[in-house]
Amino acid sequence: MQHFTQEHANMPVVDARGERLGRVAGVEDGEARLEPETGVESRMDAAASAEADALAIDPEQVVEVTDDYVRVELGDEE
């Protein structure tokens, strides 16, 4: 399980192919929020936030976190 900190804020979020999905809009209580690029909502199985136009990043979706990006695995990728 990935624990996020404020250091992850504004980091790009990419899929398994390296395609940019958006950026980490912020971190609250260890949960990262994704500010998605257009159309990403339909590809991610994530809950929409009532407070902002952001999606929760499910810790089980996180494959890798580097100094440059957060890589997530989406269910529809091969």
C-alpha atoms as a PDB file:
ATOM      1  CA  MET A   1       0.000   0.000   0.000  1.00  0.00           C
ATOM      2  CA  GLN A   2       1.400   3.371  -1.024  1.00  0.00           C
ATOM      3  CA  HIS A   3       1.415   6.125   1.583  1.00  0.00           C
ATOM      4  CA  PHE A   4       1.371   9.578   0.052  1.00  0.00           C
ATOM      5  CA  THR A   5       2.776  12.777   1.524  1.00  0.00           C
ATOM      6  CA  GLN A   6       2.624  16.423   0.480  1.00  0.00           C
ATOM      7  CA  GLU A   7       5.870  15.776  -1.459  1.00  0.00           C
ATOM      8  CA  HIS A   8       3.756  13.891  -4.005  1.00  0.00           C
ATOM      9  CA  ALA A   9       1.517  16.920  -4.698  1.00  0.00           C
ATOM     10  CA  ASN A  10       1.687  18.129  -8.323  1.00  0.00           C
ATOM     11  CA  MET A  11       3.500  14.978  -9.485  1.00  0.00           C
ATOM     12  CA  PRO A  12       2.381  13.617 -12.858  1.00  0.00           C
ATOM     13  CA  VAL A  13       0.312  10.425 -12.790  1.00  0.00           C
ATOM     14  CA  VAL A  14       0.911   8.017 -15.695  1.00  0.00           C
ATOM     15  CA  ASP A  15      -0.501   4.658 -16.764  1.00  0.00           C
ATOM     16  CA  ALA A  16       1.454   1.470 -17.525  1.00  0.00           C
ATOM     17  CA  ARG A  17       2.303   2.768 -21.026  1.00  0.00           C
ATOM     18  CA  GLY A  18       3.573   6.049 -19.628  1.00  0.00           C
ATOM     19  CA  GLU A  19       0.569   8.012 -20.902  1.00  0.00           C
ATOM     20  CA  ARG A  20      -0.130  10.999 -18.681  1.00  0.00           C
ATOM     21  CA  LEU A  21      -3.426  10.700 -16.813  1.00  0.00           C
ATOM     22  CA  GLY A  22      -3.172  13.913 -14.822  1.00  0.00           C
ATOM     23  CA  ARG A  23      -1.403  15.085 -11.688  1.00  0.00           C
ATOM     24  CA  VAL A  24      -1.622  14.568  -7.954  1.00  0.00           C
ATOM     25  CA  ALA A  25      -3.852  17.485  -6.949  1.00  0.00           C
ATOM     26  CA  GLY A  26      -3.163  17.030  -3.269  1.00  0.00           C
ATOM     27  CA  VAL A  27      -2.817  14.614  -0.386  1.00  0.00           C
ATOM     28  CA  GLU A  28      -5.168  14.435   2.561  1.00  0.00           C
ATOM     29  CA  ASP A  29      -4.896  11.893   5.376  1.00  0.00           C
ATOM     30  CA  GLY A  30      -2.406   9.899   3.277  1.00  0.00           C
ATOM     31  CA  GLU A  31      -4.794   9.650   0.304  1.00  0.00           C
ATOM     32  CA  ALA A  32      -3.708  11.108  -3.023  1.00  0.00           C
ATOM     33  CA  ARG A  33      -6.214  12.918  -5.203  1.00  0.00           C
ATOM     34  CA  LEU A  34      -5.839  12.842  -8.991  1.00  0.00           C
ATOM     35  CA  GLU A  35      -6.709  15.901 -11.052  1.00  0.00           C
ATOM     36  CA  PRO A  36      -7.420  14.008 -14.276  1.00  0.00           C
ATOM     37  CA  GLU A  37      -6.752  14.916 -17.873  1.00  0.00           C
ATOM     38  CA  THR A  38      -9.852  14.930 -20.099  1.00  0.00           C
ATOM     39  CA  GLY A  39     -11.484  11.490 -20.402  1.00  0.00           C
ATOM     40  CA  VAL A  40      -9.498   9.782 -17.655  1.00  0.00           C
ATOM     41  CA  GLU A  41     -12.510   9.436 -15.363  1.00  0.00           C
ATOM     42  CA  SER A  42     -13.999   6.824 -17.672  1.00  0.00           C
ATOM     43  CA  ARG A  43     -10.778   4.778 -17.575  1.00  0.00           C
ATOM     44  CA  MET A  44     -10.227   4.790 -13.817  1.00  0.00           C
ATOM     45  CA  ASP A  45     -12.186   2.887 -11.211  1.00  0.00           C
ATOM     46  CA  ALA A  46     -11.923   5.706  -8.669  1.00  0.00           C
ATOM     47  CA  ALA A  47     -14.332   7.648  -6.510  1.00  0.00           C
ATOM     48  CA  ALA A  48     -15.105  11.254  -7.386  1.00  0.00           C
ATOM     49  CA  SER A  49     -14.495  13.795  -4.684  1.00  0.00           C
ATOM     50  CA  ALA A  50     -17.428  15.920  -3.609  1.00  0.00           C
ATOM     51  CA  GLU A  51     -15.130  18.820  -2.670  1.00  0.00           C
ATOM     52  CA  ALA A  52     -13.191  19.133  -5.919  1.00  0.00           C
ATOM     53  CA  ASP A  53     -12.883  17.837  -9.446  1.00  0.00           C
ATOM     54  CA  ALA A  54     -10.436  15.158  -8.345  1.00  0.00           C
ATOM     55  CA  LEU A  55     -10.419  11.367  -8.073  1.00  0.00           C
ATOM     56  CA  ALA A  56      -9.061   9.234  -5.263  1.00  0.00           C
ATOM     57  CA  ILE A  57      -6.083   7.140  -6.291  1.00  0.00           C
ATOM     58  CA  ASP A  58      -6.745   3.620  -5.025  1.00  0.00           C
ATOM     59  CA  PRO A  59      -3.525   2.403  -3.311  1.00  0.00           C
ATOM     60  CA  GLU A  60      -3.938  -0.974  -5.034  1.00  0.00           C
ATOM     61  CA  GLN A  61      -3.691   0.820  -8.412  1.00  0.00           C
ATOM     62  CA  VAL A  62      -0.233   2.253  -7.640  1.00  0.00           C
ATOM     63  CA  VAL A  63       2.520   0.279  -9.362  1.00  0.00           C
ATOM     64  CA  GLU A  64       5.485   2.604  -8.897  1.00  0.00           C
ATOM     65  CA  VAL A  65       6.370   5.963  -7.383  1.00  0.00           C
ATOM     66  CA  THR A  66       9.546   7.675  -8.561  1.00  0.00           C
ATOM     67  CA  ASP A  67      10.959  11.166  -8.139  1.00  0.00           C
ATOM     68  CA  ASP A  68       9.290  12.043 -11.472  1.00  0.00           C
ATOM     69  CA  TYR A  69       5.854  10.388 -11.504  1.00  0.00           C
ATOM     70  CA  VAL A  70       3.283   8.082  -9.948  1.00  0.00           C
ATOM     71  CA  ARG A  71       2.512   5.077 -12.184  1.00  0.00           C
ATOM     72  CA  VAL A  72      -0.874   3.407 -11.778  1.00  0.00           C
ATOM     73  CA  GLU A  73      -2.344   0.238 -13.254  1.00  0.00           C
ATOM     74  CA  LEU A  74      -5.767   0.586 -14.797  1.00  0.00           C
ATOM     75  CA  GLY A  75      -7.965  -2.469 -15.246  1.00  0.00           C
ATOM     76  CA  ASP A  76      -8.252  -2.038 -19.046  1.00  0.00           C
ATOM     77  CA  GLU A  77      -4.503  -2.031 -19.860  1.00  0.00           C
ATOM     78  CA  GLU A  78      -2.529  -4.810 -21.466  1.00  0.00           C
END
